[in-house]
Protein backbone atom coordinates (compact mmCIF):
# COMPACT_ATOMS: atom_id res chain seq x y z
CA MET A 1 121.14 74.91 86.37
CA CYS A 2 122.95 74.68 83.10
CA ASN A 3 122.11 77.60 80.81
CA LEU A 4 125.23 77.40 78.68
CA TYR A 5 127.29 74.55 77.34
CA ARG A 6 130.18 74.07 74.96
CA MET A 7 130.20 71.82 71.92
CA THR A 8 133.42 72.20 69.96
CA LYS A 9 133.00 69.24 67.60
CA ASN A 10 131.23 69.38 64.23
CA ALA A 11 128.30 67.17 63.19
CA SER A 12 130.43 64.60 61.37
CA GLU A 13 132.74 64.22 64.40
CA VAL A 14 129.70 63.76 66.65
CA ALA A 15 128.20 61.21 64.24
CA ALA A 16 131.44 59.19 64.24
CA TRP A 17 131.76 59.38 68.05
CA PHE A 18 128.19 58.14 68.67
CA ASP A 19 128.05 55.79 65.66
CA ALA A 20 125.14 57.79 64.25
CA VAL A 21 124.10 59.14 60.86
CA ASP A 22 124.93 62.81 60.22
CA ALA A 23 121.51 64.30 59.40
CA ALA A 24 122.46 67.83 60.50
CA GLY A 25 123.78 68.70 57.06
CA THR A 26 125.90 71.79 56.80
CA ALA A 27 124.36 73.58 59.78
CA ASN A 28 126.67 76.15 61.34
CA PHE A 29 126.91 76.23 65.14
CA GLY A 30 128.77 78.34 67.64
CA ASP A 31 131.09 76.65 70.13
CA GLU A 32 128.84 77.86 72.98
CA VAL A 33 125.16 76.89 73.01
CA TYR A 34 122.61 79.11 74.75
CA PRO A 35 118.90 78.45 75.45
CA GLY A 36 116.74 79.12 72.40
CA TYR A 37 119.62 78.58 69.96
CA PRO A 38 120.38 75.50 67.86
CA GLY A 39 122.52 72.65 69.09
CA LEU A 40 123.35 69.12 68.00
CA VAL A 41 121.41 66.17 69.37
CA VAL A 42 121.67 62.43 68.76
CA ALA A 43 118.10 61.17 68.36
CA GLU A 44 116.84 57.98 66.74
CA GLY A 45 120.35 57.14 65.52
CA GLU A 46 120.87 60.49 63.79
CA VAL A 47 122.78 63.65 64.62
CA ARG A 48 120.24 66.45 64.21
CA ALA A 49 120.10 70.20 64.69
CA MET A 50 117.40 71.25 67.18
CA ALA A 51 116.56 74.33 69.24
CA TRP A 52 117.67 74.10 72.88
CA GLY A 53 114.58 74.47 75.05
CA PHE A 54 110.93 73.51 74.92
CA PRO A 55 108.87 76.62 74.16
CA LEU A 56 106.80 77.88 77.07
CA VAL A 57 104.05 80.00 75.54
CA ARG A 58 103.33 83.13 77.55
CA LYS A 59 100.69 85.86 77.57
CA GLY A 60 101.22 89.52 78.39
CA LYS A 61 99.20 91.60 80.85
CA GLN A 62 96.76 92.53 78.09
CA GLY A 63 96.41 88.90 76.96
CA GLN A 64 98.69 89.37 73.96
CA SER A 65 101.02 86.56 72.91
CA LEU A 66 104.62 87.03 73.97
CA LYS A 67 107.73 85.41 72.54
CA PRO A 68 107.96 81.85 73.95
CA LYS A 69 110.54 81.26 76.67
CA PRO A 70 112.89 78.27 76.17
CA VAL A 71 112.67 75.75 79.02
CA ASN A 72 116.07 74.21 78.54
CA ASN A 73 116.36 72.03 81.67
CA ALA A 74 114.14 69.17 82.79
CA ARG A 75 114.57 68.18 86.45
CA THR A 76 114.56 64.43 87.05
CA ASP A 77 111.88 64.78 89.72
CA LYS A 78 109.60 66.49 87.16
CA LEU A 79 109.94 64.01 84.26
CA SER A 80 106.57 62.41 85.10
CA THR A 81 104.68 65.72 84.93
CA PHE A 82 102.50 66.75 81.99
CA PHE A 83 105.10 69.10 80.46
CA TRP A 84 107.81 66.40 80.20
CA ARG A 85 106.11 62.99 80.45
CA GLU A 86 105.44 62.23 76.77
CA SER A 87 108.95 63.22 75.68
CA PHE A 88 110.56 61.25 78.53
CA VAL A 89 108.56 58.14 77.70
CA GLN A 90 108.82 58.34 73.89
CA ARG A 91 111.68 60.64 72.83
CA ARG A 92 114.89 60.51 74.83
CA CYS A 93 118.11 61.69 73.17
CA LEU A 94 121.80 62.29 73.76
CA ILE A 95 123.18 65.80 73.94
CA PRO A 96 126.85 65.83 72.93
CA LEU A 97 128.98 68.37 74.77
CA THR A 98 132.54 69.16 75.71
CA GLY A 99 131.69 71.11 78.89
CA TRP A 100 129.00 73.14 80.63
CA ALA A 101 129.06 76.39 82.55
CA GLU A 102 127.56 77.41 85.86
CA ALA A 103 127.42 80.91 87.29
CA GLN A 104 129.52 81.25 90.42
CA GLY A 105 130.06 84.13 92.81
CA GLU A 106 128.03 86.84 94.45
CA LYS A 107 125.18 88.54 92.59
CA GLY A 108 126.45 91.23 90.27
CA ARG A 109 129.96 89.74 90.25
CA MET A 110 129.29 86.23 88.97
CA THR A 111 131.65 84.49 86.59
CA ARG A 112 131.35 81.35 84.52
CA THR A 113 132.81 78.17 85.91
CA TRP A 114 133.33 75.58 83.19
CA ILE A 115 132.94 71.92 84.13
CA SER A 116 133.78 68.88 82.03
CA VAL A 117 134.59 65.19 82.29
CA PRO A 118 138.35 64.69 82.76
CA ASP A 119 140.09 63.08 79.78
CA ALA A 120 136.90 63.07 77.70
CA PRO A 121 137.08 65.17 74.53
CA LEU A 122 133.34 64.60 74.05
CA PHE A 123 130.62 63.17 76.30
CA ALA A 124 126.84 62.92 76.44
CA ALA A 125 124.17 64.43 78.67
CA ALA A 126 120.71 62.92 78.89
CA GLY A 127 118.05 64.78 76.97
CA VAL A 128 114.44 64.68 75.83
CA TRP A 129 113.05 66.14 72.62
CA ARG A 130 109.81 66.92 70.81
CA ARG A 131 108.40 68.86 67.88
CA SER A 132 106.85 72.24 68.56
CA ASP A 133 104.74 74.61 66.48
CA GLU A 134 106.96 77.50 67.56
CA TRP A 135 110.49 76.19 66.84
CA GLY A 136 110.16 72.80 65.15
CA ALA A 137 112.31 70.10 66.75
CA CYS A 138 113.58 71.12 70.19
CA TYR A 139 115.32 69.48 73.13
CA SER A 140 115.89 69.91 76.84
CA MET A 141 118.73 68.71 79.05
CA VAL A 142 117.88 66.44 82.00
CA MET A 143 119.24 67.73 85.31
CA THR A 144 119.84 65.96 88.62
CA ASP A 145 121.08 66.72 92.13
CA SER A 146 124.86 67.17 92.09
CA ALA A 147 125.40 65.84 95.64
CA GLY A 148 128.48 63.65 95.84
CA SER A 149 130.07 64.94 92.64
CA ASP A 150 132.78 67.53 92.09
CA ALA A 151 130.14 69.75 90.46
CA GLU A 152 128.44 70.14 93.86
CA GLN A 153 131.06 72.75 94.81
CA VAL A 154 129.68 75.02 92.08
CA HIS A 155 125.93 74.27 91.88
CA SER A 156 123.34 72.03 93.53
CA ARG A 157 122.22 70.59 90.16
CA MET A 158 124.07 69.26 87.16
CA PRO A 159 123.30 67.60 83.82
CA VAL A 160 122.74 63.85 83.86
CA LEU A 161 125.97 62.66 82.27
CA LEU A 162 125.87 59.27 80.60
CA ALA A 163 128.80 56.87 80.52
CA PRO A 164 129.32 55.32 77.08
CA ASP A 165 127.87 52.02 78.32
CA ASP A 166 124.69 53.79 79.50
CA GLN A 167 123.95 55.84 76.38
CA ALA A 168 122.01 53.15 74.51
CA ARG A 169 120.06 52.32 77.68
CA TRP A 170 119.05 55.97 78.07
CA VAL A 171 117.47 56.16 74.63
CA THR A 172 115.96 52.65 74.41
CA ALA A 173 115.11 51.43 77.92
CA GLU A 174 111.71 51.53 79.55
CA PRO A 175 111.18 54.81 81.44
CA GLU A 176 111.70 53.21 84.87
CA ALA A 177 115.10 51.81 83.81
CA ALA A 178 116.11 55.10 82.16
CA LEU A 179 115.24 56.97 85.35
CA THR A 180 117.82 54.92 87.28
CA LEU A 181 120.52 56.60 85.14
CA CYS A 182 119.50 60.03 86.46
CA ARG A 183 122.17 60.50 89.10
CA ALA A 184 125.20 62.66 89.72
CA TRP A 185 128.35 61.77 87.83
CA ASP A 186 130.78 60.14 90.23
């Protein structure tokens, strides 16, 4: 599963690429985005800064509240469950990225393998978003089975990558039609 991605473009470049309004302001982002940290998202025609991951509220052994854990990936086969359903039906978004990383190798000796779309300086992954009491606006990346794609050599799952012609469908289509876009990039 993707727990790290690269986004080397600034908000105004992303806004121009996706024909969106730059609502992120002067937010400062690192080139690598980790769960729980801010990233850029295209939602409702605007480029916005949001936290990567839906907060999963946890309790300690003594019943005390613990720091929420970011759930940064939503599996396509789980989009109809309680945790994801409302966001999938009402708040789909585009996650701009220039590549994502997967851990590869034996335990204790793993390295990052970076994967991207050839000849694409910027592309979009499917996402869902919502507002949370813990972090404000937050998003999660939609993941699918990587069978049949080059990414399968590295990991069994990959982000749902959206071709430019499919991006508007992802954010505006009925849920059943949007779900048909959840497939491995060929």
